[in-house]
Full PDB file with SEQRES, HELIX, SHEET, SSBOND, CRYST1, ORIGX, SCALE, CONECT and MASTER records, all heavy atoms in Angstrom:
SEQRES   1 A   37  VAL GLY SER SER ALA ALA SER VAL LEU TYR SER ILE TYR          
SEQRES   2 A   37  LEU THR GLY VAL GLN ALA PHE VAL LEU LYS LYS TRP CYS          
SEQRES   3 A   37  ASP TYR CYS ILE VAL SER SER ILE THR SER VAL                  
HELIX    1 AA1 GLY A    2  GLY A   16  1                                  15    
HELIX    2 AA2 VAL A   17  LEU A   22  3                                   6    
HELIX    3 AA3 ASP A   27  SER A   36  1                                  10    
CRYST1    1.000    1.000    1.000  90.00  90.00  90.00 P 1           1          
ORIGX1      1.000000  0.000000  0.000000        0.00000                         
ORIGX2      0.000000  1.000000  0.000000        0.00000                         
ORIGX3      0.000000  0.000000  1.000000        0.00000                         
SCALE1      1.000000  0.000000  0.000000        0.00000                         
SCALE2      0.000000  1.000000  0.000000        0.00000                         
SCALE3      0.000000  0.000000  1.000000        0.00000                         
ATOM      1  N   VAL A   1      17.206  -7.548  19.739  1.00  0.00           N  
ATOM      2  CA  VAL A   1      16.005  -8.220  20.238  1.00  0.00           C  
ATOM      3  C   VAL A   1      15.130  -7.191  20.975  1.00  0.00           C  
ATOM      4  O   VAL A   1      13.901  -7.164  20.808  1.00  0.00           O  
ATOM      5  CB  VAL A   1      16.342  -9.408  21.140  1.00  0.00           C  
ATOM      6  CG1 VAL A   1      15.104  -9.935  21.846  1.00  0.00           C  
ATOM      7  CG2 VAL A   1      17.017 -10.513  20.331  1.00  0.00           C  
ATOM      8  N   GLY A   2      15.715  -6.319  21.761  1.00  0.00           N  
ATOM      9  CA  GLY A   2      14.974  -5.285  22.487  1.00  0.00           C  
ATOM     10  C   GLY A   2      14.301  -4.318  21.496  1.00  0.00           C  
ATOM     11  O   GLY A   2      13.142  -3.912  21.685  1.00  0.00           O  
ATOM     12  N   SER A   3      15.034  -3.958  20.432  1.00  0.00           N  
ATOM     13  CA  SER A   3      14.470  -3.063  19.398  1.00  0.00           C  
ATOM     14  C   SER A   3      13.314  -3.752  18.726  1.00  0.00           C  
ATOM     15  O   SER A   3      12.288  -3.107  18.403  1.00  0.00           O  
ATOM     16  CB  SER A   3      15.524  -2.679  18.400  1.00  0.00           C  
ATOM     17  OG  SER A   3      16.580  -1.918  18.987  1.00  0.00           O  
ATOM     18  N   SER A   4      13.440  -5.031  18.462  1.00  0.00           N  
ATOM     19  CA  SER A   4      12.370  -5.790  17.810  1.00  0.00           C  
ATOM     20  C   SER A   4      11.174  -5.905  18.710  1.00  0.00           C  
ATOM     21  O   SER A   4      10.028  -5.772  18.232  1.00  0.00           O  
ATOM     22  CB  SER A   4      12.867  -7.150  17.429  1.00  0.00           C  
ATOM     23  OG  SER A   4      13.889  -7.070  16.418  1.00  0.00           O  
ATOM     24  N   ALA A   5      11.383  -6.120  19.984  1.00  0.00           N  
ATOM     25  CA  ALA A   5      10.237  -6.194  20.937  1.00  0.00           C  
ATOM     26  C   ALA A   5       9.543  -4.838  20.987  1.00  0.00           C  
ATOM     27  O   ALA A   5       8.308  -4.766  21.000  1.00  0.00           O  
ATOM     28  CB  ALA A   5      10.740  -6.593  22.301  1.00  0.00           C  
ATOM     29  N   ALA A   6      10.327  -3.751  21.010  1.00  0.00           N  
ATOM     30  CA  ALA A   6       9.738  -2.414  21.020  1.00  0.00           C  
ATOM     31  C   ALA A   6       8.958  -2.146  19.735  1.00  0.00           C  
ATOM     32  O   ALA A   6       7.857  -1.568  19.756  1.00  0.00           O  
ATOM     33  CB  ALA A   6      10.802  -1.342  21.175  1.00  0.00           C  
ATOM     34  N   SER A   7       9.457  -2.633  18.627  1.00  0.00           N  
ATOM     35  CA  SER A   7       8.779  -2.484  17.341  1.00  0.00           C  
ATOM     36  C   SER A   7       7.452  -3.216  17.338  1.00  0.00           C  
ATOM     37  O   SER A   7       6.454  -2.717  16.869  1.00  0.00           O  
ATOM     38  CB  SER A   7       9.665  -2.998  16.197  1.00  0.00           C  
ATOM     39  OG  SER A   7       8.990  -2.985  14.991  1.00  0.00           O  
ATOM     40  N   VAL A   8       7.449  -4.421  17.898  1.00  0.00           N  
ATOM     41  CA  VAL A   8       6.185  -5.184  17.990  1.00  0.00           C  
ATOM     42  C   VAL A   8       5.192  -4.476  18.894  1.00  0.00           C  
ATOM     43  O   VAL A   8       4.029  -4.360  18.532  1.00  0.00           O  
ATOM     44  CB  VAL A   8       6.487  -6.621  18.500  1.00  0.00           C  
ATOM     45  CG1 VAL A   8       5.198  -7.328  18.843  1.00  0.00           C  
ATOM     46  CG2 VAL A   8       7.233  -7.413  17.416  1.00  0.00           C  
ATOM     47  N   LEU A   9       5.633  -3.983  20.061  1.00  0.00           N  
ATOM     48  CA  LEU A   9       4.725  -3.320  20.949  1.00  0.00           C  
ATOM     49  C   LEU A   9       4.162  -2.037  20.304  1.00  0.00           C  
ATOM     50  O   LEU A   9       2.949  -1.771  20.402  1.00  0.00           O  
ATOM     51  CB  LEU A   9       5.442  -2.981  22.255  1.00  0.00           C  
ATOM     52  CG  LEU A   9       5.778  -4.131  23.157  1.00  0.00           C  
ATOM     53  CD1 LEU A   9       6.612  -3.706  24.319  1.00  0.00           C  
ATOM     54  CD2 LEU A   9       4.505  -4.861  23.610  1.00  0.00           C  
ATOM     55  N   TYR A  10       4.990  -1.311  19.578  1.00  0.00           N  
ATOM     56  CA  TYR A  10       4.527  -0.088  18.932  1.00  0.00           C  
ATOM     57  C   TYR A  10       3.583  -0.443  17.774  1.00  0.00           C  
ATOM     58  O   TYR A  10       2.597   0.262  17.519  1.00  0.00           O  
ATOM     59  CB  TYR A  10       5.657   0.775  18.465  1.00  0.00           C  
ATOM     60  CG  TYR A  10       5.207   2.205  18.164  1.00  0.00           C  
ATOM     61  CD1 TYR A  10       4.759   2.997  19.205  1.00  0.00           C  
ATOM     62  CD2 TYR A  10       5.235   2.710  16.888  1.00  0.00           C  
ATOM     63  CE1 TYR A  10       4.317   4.289  18.973  1.00  0.00           C  
ATOM     64  CE2 TYR A  10       4.837   4.012  16.660  1.00  0.00           C  
ATOM     65  CZ  TYR A  10       4.352   4.796  17.687  1.00  0.00           C  
ATOM     66  OH  TYR A  10       3.928   6.057  17.443  1.00  0.00           O  
ATOM     67  N   SER A  11       3.855  -1.558  17.077  1.00  0.00           N  
ATOM     68  CA  SER A  11       2.969  -2.000  16.020  1.00  0.00           C  
ATOM     69  C   SER A  11       1.601  -2.373  16.587  1.00  0.00           C  
ATOM     70  O   SER A  11       0.581  -2.080  15.947  1.00  0.00           O  
ATOM     71  CB  SER A  11       3.579  -3.202  15.293  1.00  0.00           C  
ATOM     72  OG  SER A  11       4.736  -2.795  14.594  1.00  0.00           O  
ATOM     73  N   ILE A  12       1.587  -3.008  17.753  1.00  0.00           N  
ATOM     74  CA  ILE A  12       0.317  -3.373  18.387  1.00  0.00           C  
ATOM     75  C   ILE A  12      -0.466  -2.069  18.731  1.00  0.00           C  
ATOM     76  O   ILE A  12      -1.686  -1.969  18.460  1.00  0.00           O  
ATOM     77  CB  ILE A  12       0.539  -4.235  19.663  1.00  0.00           C  
ATOM     78  CG1 ILE A  12       1.067  -5.605  19.252  1.00  0.00           C  
ATOM     79  CG2 ILE A  12      -0.735  -4.310  20.502  1.00  0.00           C  
ATOM     80  CD1 ILE A  12       1.568  -6.397  20.426  1.00  0.00           C  
ATOM     81  N   TYR A  13       0.242  -1.079  19.275  1.00  0.00           N  
ATOM     82  CA  TYR A  13      -0.396   0.196  19.574  1.00  0.00           C  
ATOM     83  C   TYR A  13      -1.002   0.830  18.307  1.00  0.00           C  
ATOM     84  O   TYR A  13      -2.124   1.268  18.317  1.00  0.00           O  
ATOM     85  CB  TYR A  13       0.620   1.148  20.230  1.00  0.00           C  
ATOM     86  CG  TYR A  13       0.204   2.572  20.211  1.00  0.00           C  
ATOM     87  CD1 TYR A  13      -0.797   3.034  21.070  1.00  0.00           C  
ATOM     88  CD2 TYR A  13       0.779   3.486  19.318  1.00  0.00           C  
ATOM     89  CE1 TYR A  13      -1.203   4.361  21.054  1.00  0.00           C  
ATOM     90  CE2 TYR A  13       0.393   4.850  19.334  1.00  0.00           C  
ATOM     91  CZ  TYR A  13      -0.615   5.248  20.190  1.00  0.00           C  
ATOM     92  OH  TYR A  13      -1.030   6.566  20.169  1.00  0.00           O  
ATOM     93  N   LEU A  14      -0.215   0.890  17.212  1.00  0.00           N  
ATOM     94  CA  LEU A  14      -0.677   1.519  15.987  1.00  0.00           C  
ATOM     95  C   LEU A  14      -1.811   0.723  15.344  1.00  0.00           C  
ATOM     96  O   LEU A  14      -2.744   1.303  14.778  1.00  0.00           O  
ATOM     97  CB  LEU A  14       0.455   1.696  14.995  1.00  0.00           C  
ATOM     98  CG  LEU A  14       1.499   2.772  15.402  1.00  0.00           C  
ATOM     99  CD1 LEU A  14       2.643   2.774  14.394  1.00  0.00           C  
ATOM    100  CD2 LEU A  14       0.851   4.119  15.498  1.00  0.00           C  
ATOM    101  N   THR A  15      -1.822  -0.558  15.487  1.00  0.00           N  
ATOM    102  CA  THR A  15      -2.944  -1.375  14.997  1.00  0.00           C  
ATOM    103  C   THR A  15      -4.211  -1.092  15.821  1.00  0.00           C  
ATOM    104  O   THR A  15      -5.248  -0.970  15.240  1.00  0.00           O  
ATOM    105  CB  THR A  15      -2.565  -2.900  15.070  1.00  0.00           C  
ATOM    106  OG1 THR A  15      -1.403  -3.110  14.241  1.00  0.00           O  
ATOM    107  CG2 THR A  15      -3.718  -3.757  14.549  1.00  0.00           C  
ATOM    108  N   GLY A  16      -4.004  -0.902  17.127  1.00  0.00           N  
ATOM    109  CA  GLY A  16      -5.146  -0.496  17.958  1.00  0.00           C  
ATOM    110  C   GLY A  16      -5.685   0.878  17.564  1.00  0.00           C  
ATOM    111  O   GLY A  16      -6.903   1.098  17.565  1.00  0.00           O  
ATOM    112  N   VAL A  17      -4.807   1.763  17.216  1.00  0.00           N  
ATOM    113  CA  VAL A  17      -5.231   3.121  16.747  1.00  0.00           C  
ATOM    114  C   VAL A  17      -6.053   2.961  15.480  1.00  0.00           C  
ATOM    115  O   VAL A  17      -7.131   3.605  15.367  1.00  0.00           O  
ATOM    116  CB  VAL A  17      -4.021   4.015  16.528  1.00  0.00           C  
ATOM    117  CG1 VAL A  17      -4.395   5.274  15.736  1.00  0.00           C  
ATOM    118  CG2 VAL A  17      -3.346   4.417  17.846  1.00  0.00           C  
ATOM    119  N   GLN A  18      -5.613   2.132  14.591  1.00  0.00           N  
ATOM    120  CA  GLN A  18      -6.389   1.914  13.339  1.00  0.00           C  
ATOM    121  C   GLN A  18      -7.777   1.345  13.657  1.00  0.00           C  
ATOM    122  O   GLN A  18      -8.760   1.779  13.126  1.00  0.00           O  
ATOM    123  CB  GLN A  18      -5.635   0.930  12.420  1.00  0.00           C  
ATOM    124  CG  GLN A  18      -4.412   1.513  11.765  1.00  0.00           C  
ATOM    125  CD  GLN A  18      -3.768   0.475  10.846  1.00  0.00           C  
ATOM    126  OE1 GLN A  18      -4.268   0.217   9.772  1.00  0.00           O  
ATOM    127  NE2 GLN A  18      -2.674  -0.108  11.326  1.00  0.00           N  
ATOM    128  N   ALA A  19      -7.791   0.376  14.556  1.00  0.00           N  
ATOM    129  CA  ALA A  19      -9.072  -0.305  14.832  1.00  0.00           C  
ATOM    130  C   ALA A  19     -10.036   0.517  15.654  1.00  0.00           C  
ATOM    131  O   ALA A  19     -11.244   0.586  15.365  1.00  0.00           O  
ATOM    132  CB  ALA A  19      -8.781  -1.645  15.575  1.00  0.00           C  
ATOM    133  N   PHE A  20      -9.538   1.189  16.709  1.00  0.00           N  
ATOM    134  CA  PHE A  20     -10.448   1.797  17.652  1.00  0.00           C  
ATOM    135  C   PHE A  20     -10.512   3.350  17.584  1.00  0.00           C  
ATOM    136  O   PHE A  20     -11.516   3.893  18.011  1.00  0.00           O  
ATOM    137  CB  PHE A  20     -10.047   1.398  19.078  1.00  0.00           C  
ATOM    138  CG  PHE A  20     -10.026  -0.098  19.267  1.00  0.00           C  
ATOM    139  CD1 PHE A  20      -8.871  -0.789  19.490  1.00  0.00           C  
ATOM    140  CD2 PHE A  20     -11.210  -0.826  19.183  1.00  0.00           C  
ATOM    141  CE1 PHE A  20      -8.852  -2.173  19.620  1.00  0.00           C  
ATOM    142  CE2 PHE A  20     -11.209  -2.186  19.343  1.00  0.00           C  
ATOM    143  CZ  PHE A  20     -10.028  -2.896  19.563  1.00  0.00           C  
ATOM    144  N   VAL A  21      -9.487   3.988  17.066  1.00  0.00           N  
ATOM    145  CA  VAL A  21      -9.511   5.454  17.006  1.00  0.00           C  
ATOM    146  C   VAL A  21      -9.893   5.904  15.617  1.00  0.00           C  
ATOM    147  O   VAL A  21     -10.878   6.633  15.410  1.00  0.00           O  
ATOM    148  CB  VAL A  21      -8.131   6.040  17.429  1.00  0.00           C  
ATOM    149  CG1 VAL A  21      -8.148   7.558  17.292  1.00  0.00           C  
ATOM    150  CG2 VAL A  21      -7.773   5.633  18.819  1.00  0.00           C  
ATOM    151  N   LEU A  22      -9.086   5.513  14.622  1.00  0.00           N  
ATOM    152  CA  LEU A  22      -9.343   5.937  13.235  1.00  0.00           C  
ATOM    153  C   LEU A  22     -10.471   5.155  12.577  1.00  0.00           C  
ATOM    154  O   LEU A  22     -11.153   5.660  11.701  1.00  0.00           O  
ATOM    155  CB  LEU A  22      -8.054   5.783  12.395  1.00  0.00           C  
ATOM    156  CG  LEU A  22      -6.878   6.612  12.885  1.00  0.00           C  
ATOM    157  CD1 LEU A  22      -5.649   6.291  12.045  1.00  0.00           C  
ATOM    158  CD2 LEU A  22      -7.143   8.103  12.797  1.00  0.00           C  
ATOM    159  N   LYS A  23     -10.640   3.897  13.005  1.00  0.00           N  
ATOM    160  CA  LYS A  23     -11.621   2.994  12.396  1.00  0.00           C  
ATOM    161  C   LYS A  23     -11.395   2.889  10.905  1.00  0.00           C  
ATOM    162  O   LYS A  23     -12.324   2.802  10.118  1.00  0.00           O  
ATOM    163  CB  LYS A  23     -13.042   3.452  12.727  1.00  0.00           C  
ATOM    164  CG  LYS A  23     -13.347   3.328  14.204  1.00  0.00           C  
ATOM    165  CD  LYS A  23     -14.767   3.697  14.511  1.00  0.00           C  
ATOM    166  CE  LYS A  23     -15.215   3.509  15.874  1.00  0.00           C  
ATOM    167  NZ  LYS A  23     -14.508   3.900  16.997  1.00  0.00           N  
ATOM    168  N   LYS A  24     -10.149   2.918  10.512  1.00  0.00           N  
ATOM    169  CA  LYS A  24      -9.706   2.787   9.129  1.00  0.00           C  
ATOM    170  C   LYS A  24      -8.450   1.892   9.114  1.00  0.00           C  
ATOM    171  O   LYS A  24      -7.759   1.841  10.123  1.00  0.00           O  
ATOM    172  CB  LYS A  24      -9.408   4.122   8.503  1.00  0.00           C  
ATOM    173  CG  LYS A  24     -10.606   5.009   8.439  1.00  0.00           C  
ATOM    174  CD  LYS A  24     -10.301   6.345   7.840  1.00  0.00           C  
ATOM    175  CE  LYS A  24     -11.576   7.145   7.863  1.00  0.00           C  
ATOM    176  NZ  LYS A  24     -11.608   8.326   7.139  1.00  0.00           N  
ATOM    177  N   TRP A  25      -8.211   1.245   7.978  1.00  0.00           N  
ATOM    178  CA  TRP A  25      -7.129   0.291   7.935  1.00  0.00           C  
ATOM    179  C   TRP A  25      -6.170   0.657   6.806  1.00  0.00           C  
ATOM    180  O   TRP A  25      -6.550   1.211   5.780  1.00  0.00           O  
ATOM    181  CB  TRP A  25      -7.663  -1.098   7.716  1.00  0.00           C  
ATOM    182  CG  TRP A  25      -8.443  -1.586   8.870  1.00  0.00           C  
ATOM    183  CD1 TRP A  25      -9.786  -1.577   9.048  1.00  0.00           C  
ATOM    184  CD2 TRP A  25      -7.907  -2.117  10.089  1.00  0.00           C  
ATOM    185  NE1 TRP A  25     -10.128  -2.082  10.259  1.00  0.00           N  
ATOM    186  CE2 TRP A  25      -8.971  -2.437  10.937  1.00  0.00           C  
ATOM    187  CE3 TRP A  25      -6.603  -2.381  10.547  1.00  0.00           C  
ATOM    188  CZ2 TRP A  25      -8.815  -2.991  12.210  1.00  0.00           C  
ATOM    189  CZ3 TRP A  25      -6.428  -2.936  11.805  1.00  0.00           C  
ATOM    190  CH2 TRP A  25      -7.541  -3.229  12.616  1.00  0.00           C  
ATOM    191  N   CYS A  26      -4.939   0.306   7.018  1.00  0.00           N  
ATOM    192  CA  CYS A  26      -3.872   0.452   6.012  1.00  0.00           C  
ATOM    193  C   CYS A  26      -3.246  -0.915   5.816  1.00  0.00           C  
ATOM    194  O   CYS A  26      -2.666  -1.470   6.732  1.00  0.00           O  
ATOM    195  CB  CYS A  26      -2.834   1.477   6.452  1.00  0.00           C  
ATOM    196  SG  CYS A  26      -1.383   1.541   5.404  1.00  0.00           S  
ATOM    197  N   ASP A  27      -3.393  -1.442   4.604  1.00  0.00           N  
ATOM    198  CA  ASP A  27      -2.838  -2.758   4.307  1.00  0.00           C  
ATOM    199  C   ASP A  27      -1.324  -2.819   4.540  1.00  0.00           C  
ATOM    200  O   ASP A  27      -0.831  -3.806   5.097  1.00  0.00           O  
ATOM    201  CB  ASP A  27      -3.099  -3.142   2.842  1.00  0.00           C  
ATOM    202  CG  ASP A  27      -4.577  -3.182   2.490  1.00  0.00           C  
ATOM    203  OD1 ASP A  27      -5.410  -3.242   3.410  1.00  0.00           O  
ATOM    204  OD2 ASP A  27      -4.894  -3.140   1.296  1.00  0.00           O  
ATOM    205  N   TYR A  28      -0.653  -1.785   4.155  1.00  0.00           N  
ATOM    206  CA  TYR A  28       0.818  -1.774   4.291  1.00  0.00           C  
ATOM    207  C   TYR A  28       1.226  -1.710   5.747  1.00  0.00           C  
ATOM    208  O   TYR A  28       2.240  -2.312   6.137  1.00  0.00           O  
ATOM    209  CB  TYR A  28       1.381  -0.577   3.511  1.00  0.00           C  
ATOM    210  CG  TYR A  28       1.054  -0.640   2.037  1.00  0.00           C  
ATOM    211  CD1 TYR A  28       0.016   0.136   1.543  1.00  0.00           C  
ATOM    212  CD2 TYR A  28       1.750  -1.484   1.220  1.00  0.00           C  
ATOM    213  CE1 TYR A  28      -0.317   0.055   0.164  1.00  0.00           C  
ATOM    214  CE2 TYR A  28       1.429  -1.560  -0.129  1.00  0.00           C  
ATOM    215  CZ  TYR A  28       0.407  -0.785  -0.643  1.00  0.00           C  
ATOM    216  OH  TYR A  28       0.075  -0.848  -1.972  1.00  0.00           O  
ATOM    217  N   CYS A  29       0.472  -1.003   6.543  1.00  0.00           N  
ATOM    218  CA  CYS A  29       0.772  -0.909   7.991  1.00  0.00           C  
ATOM    219  C   CYS A  29       0.634  -2.310   8.629  1.00  0.00           C  
ATOM    220  O   CYS A  29       1.433  -2.685   9.467  1.00  0.00           O  
ATOM    221  CB  CYS A  29      -0.144   0.092   8.656  1.00  0.00           C  
ATOM    222  SG  CYS A  29      -0.022   1.750   8.003  1.00  0.00           S  
ATOM    223  N   ILE A  30      -0.382  -3.026   8.199  1.00  0.00           N  
ATOM    224  CA  ILE A  30      -0.611  -4.375   8.740  1.00  0.00           C  
ATOM    225  C   ILE A  30       0.504  -5.281   8.304  1.00  0.00           C  
ATOM    226  O   ILE A  30       1.014  -6.101   9.073  1.00  0.00           O  
ATOM    227  CB  ILE A  30      -2.001  -4.905   8.285  1.00  0.00           C  
ATOM    228  CG1 ILE A  30      -3.135  -4.010   8.796  1.00  0.00           C  
ATOM    229  CG2 ILE A  30      -2.176  -6.359   8.692  1.00  0.00           C  
ATOM    230  CD1 ILE A  30      -3.179  -3.858  10.318  1.00  0.00           C  
ATOM    231  N   VAL A  31       0.945  -5.186   7.037  1.00  0.00           N  
ATOM    232  CA  VAL A  31       2.087  -6.002   6.560  1.00  0.00           C  
ATOM    233  C   VAL A  31       3.313  -5.689   7.362  1.00  0.00           C  
ATOM    234  O   VAL A  31       4.048  -6.596   7.762  1.00  0.00           O  
ATOM    235  CB  VAL A  31       2.288  -5.774   5.035  1.00  0.00           C  
ATOM    236  CG1 VAL A  31       3.636  -6.366   4.610  1.00  0.00           C  
ATOM    237  CG2 VAL A  31       1.191  -6.331   4.228  1.00  0.00           C  
ATOM    238  N   SER A  32       3.560  -4.399   7.637  1.00  0.00           N  
ATOM    239  CA  SER A  32       4.723  -4.006   8.446  1.00  0.00           C  
ATOM    240  C   SER A  32       4.613  -4.588   9.854  1.00  0.00           C  
ATOM    241  O   SER A  32       5.631  -5.062  10.395  1.00  0.00           O  
ATOM    242  CB  SER A  32       4.855  -2.510   8.486  1.00  0.00           C  
ATOM    243  OG  SER A  32       6.029  -2.123   9.204  1.00  0.00           O  
ATOM    244  N   SER A  33       3.424  -4.530  10.433  1.00  0.00           N  
ATOM    245  CA  SER A  33       3.237  -5.107  11.777  1.00  0.00           C  
ATOM    246  C   SER A  33       3.498  -6.603  11.814  1.00  0.00           C  
ATOM    247  O   SER A  33       4.202  -7.109  12.698  1.00  0.00           O  
ATOM    248  CB  SER A  33       1.811  -4.800  12.261  1.00  0.00           C  
ATOM    249  OG  SER A  33       1.601  -3.449  12.425  1.00  0.00           O  
ATOM    250  N   ILE A  34       2.981  -7.303  10.840  1.00  0.00           N  
ATOM    251  CA  ILE A  34       3.214  -8.761  10.766  1.00  0.00           C  
ATOM    252  C   ILE A  34       4.677  -9.032  10.578  1.00  0.00           C  
ATOM    253  O   ILE A  34       5.257  -9.944  11.189  1.00  0.00           O  
ATOM    254  CB  ILE A  34       2.320  -9.380   9.669  1.00  0.00           C  
ATOM    255  CG1 ILE A  34       0.855  -9.298  10.072  1.00  0.00           C  
ATOM    256  CG2 ILE A  34       2.762 -10.815   9.363  1.00  0.00           C  
ATOM    257  CD1 ILE A  34      -0.120  -9.641   8.955  1.00  0.00           C  
ATOM    258  N   THR A  35       5.312  -8.250   9.704  1.00  0.00           N  
ATOM    259  CA  THR A  35       6.748  -8.438   9.465  1.00  0.00           C  
ATOM    260  C   THR A  35       7.543  -8.219  10.699  1.00  0.00           C  
ATOM    261  O   THR A  35       8.496  -8.964  11.022  1.00  0.00           O  
ATOM    262  CB  THR A  35       7.190  -7.476   8.339  1.00  0.00           C  
ATOM    263  OG1 THR A  35       6.436  -7.702   7.173  1.00  0.00           O  
ATOM    264  CG2 THR A  35       8.694  -7.692   8.003  1.00  0.00           C  
ATOM    265  N   SER A  36       7.156  -7.197  11.478  1.00  0.00           N  
ATOM    266  CA  SER A  36       7.868  -6.932  12.739  1.00  0.00           C  
ATOM    267  C   SER A  36       7.751  -8.117  13.729  1.00  0.00           C  
ATOM    268  O   SER A  36       8.726  -8.466  14.350  1.00  0.00           O  
ATOM    269  CB  SER A  36       7.261  -5.622  13.331  1.00  0.00           C  
ATOM    270  OG  SER A  36       7.930  -5.284  14.491  1.00  0.00           O  
ATOM    271  N   VAL A  37       6.575  -8.685  13.792  1.00  0.00           N  
ATOM    272  CA  VAL A  37       6.340  -9.833  14.695  1.00  0.00           C  
ATOM    273  C   VAL A  37       7.196 -10.999  14.205  1.00  0.00           C  
ATOM    274  O   VAL A  37       7.873 -11.695  15.004  1.00  0.00           O  
ATOM    275  CB  VAL A  37       4.868 -10.234  14.732  1.00  0.00           C  
ATOM    276  CG1 VAL A  37       4.690 -11.557  15.420  1.00  0.00           C  
ATOM    277  CG2 VAL A  37       4.084  -9.149  15.465  1.00  0.00           C  
TER     278      VAL A  37                                                      
MASTER        0    0    0    3    0    0    0    6  277    1    0    3          
END                                                                             
């Protein structure tokens, strides 16, 4: 459960990087983030 929570938090961070830093999206990364949640 702790590993899963860490995975979700890191997925949120990486999604933020896509949105605000790179301003580009990866469909697979989003699928992985949703799967992690």
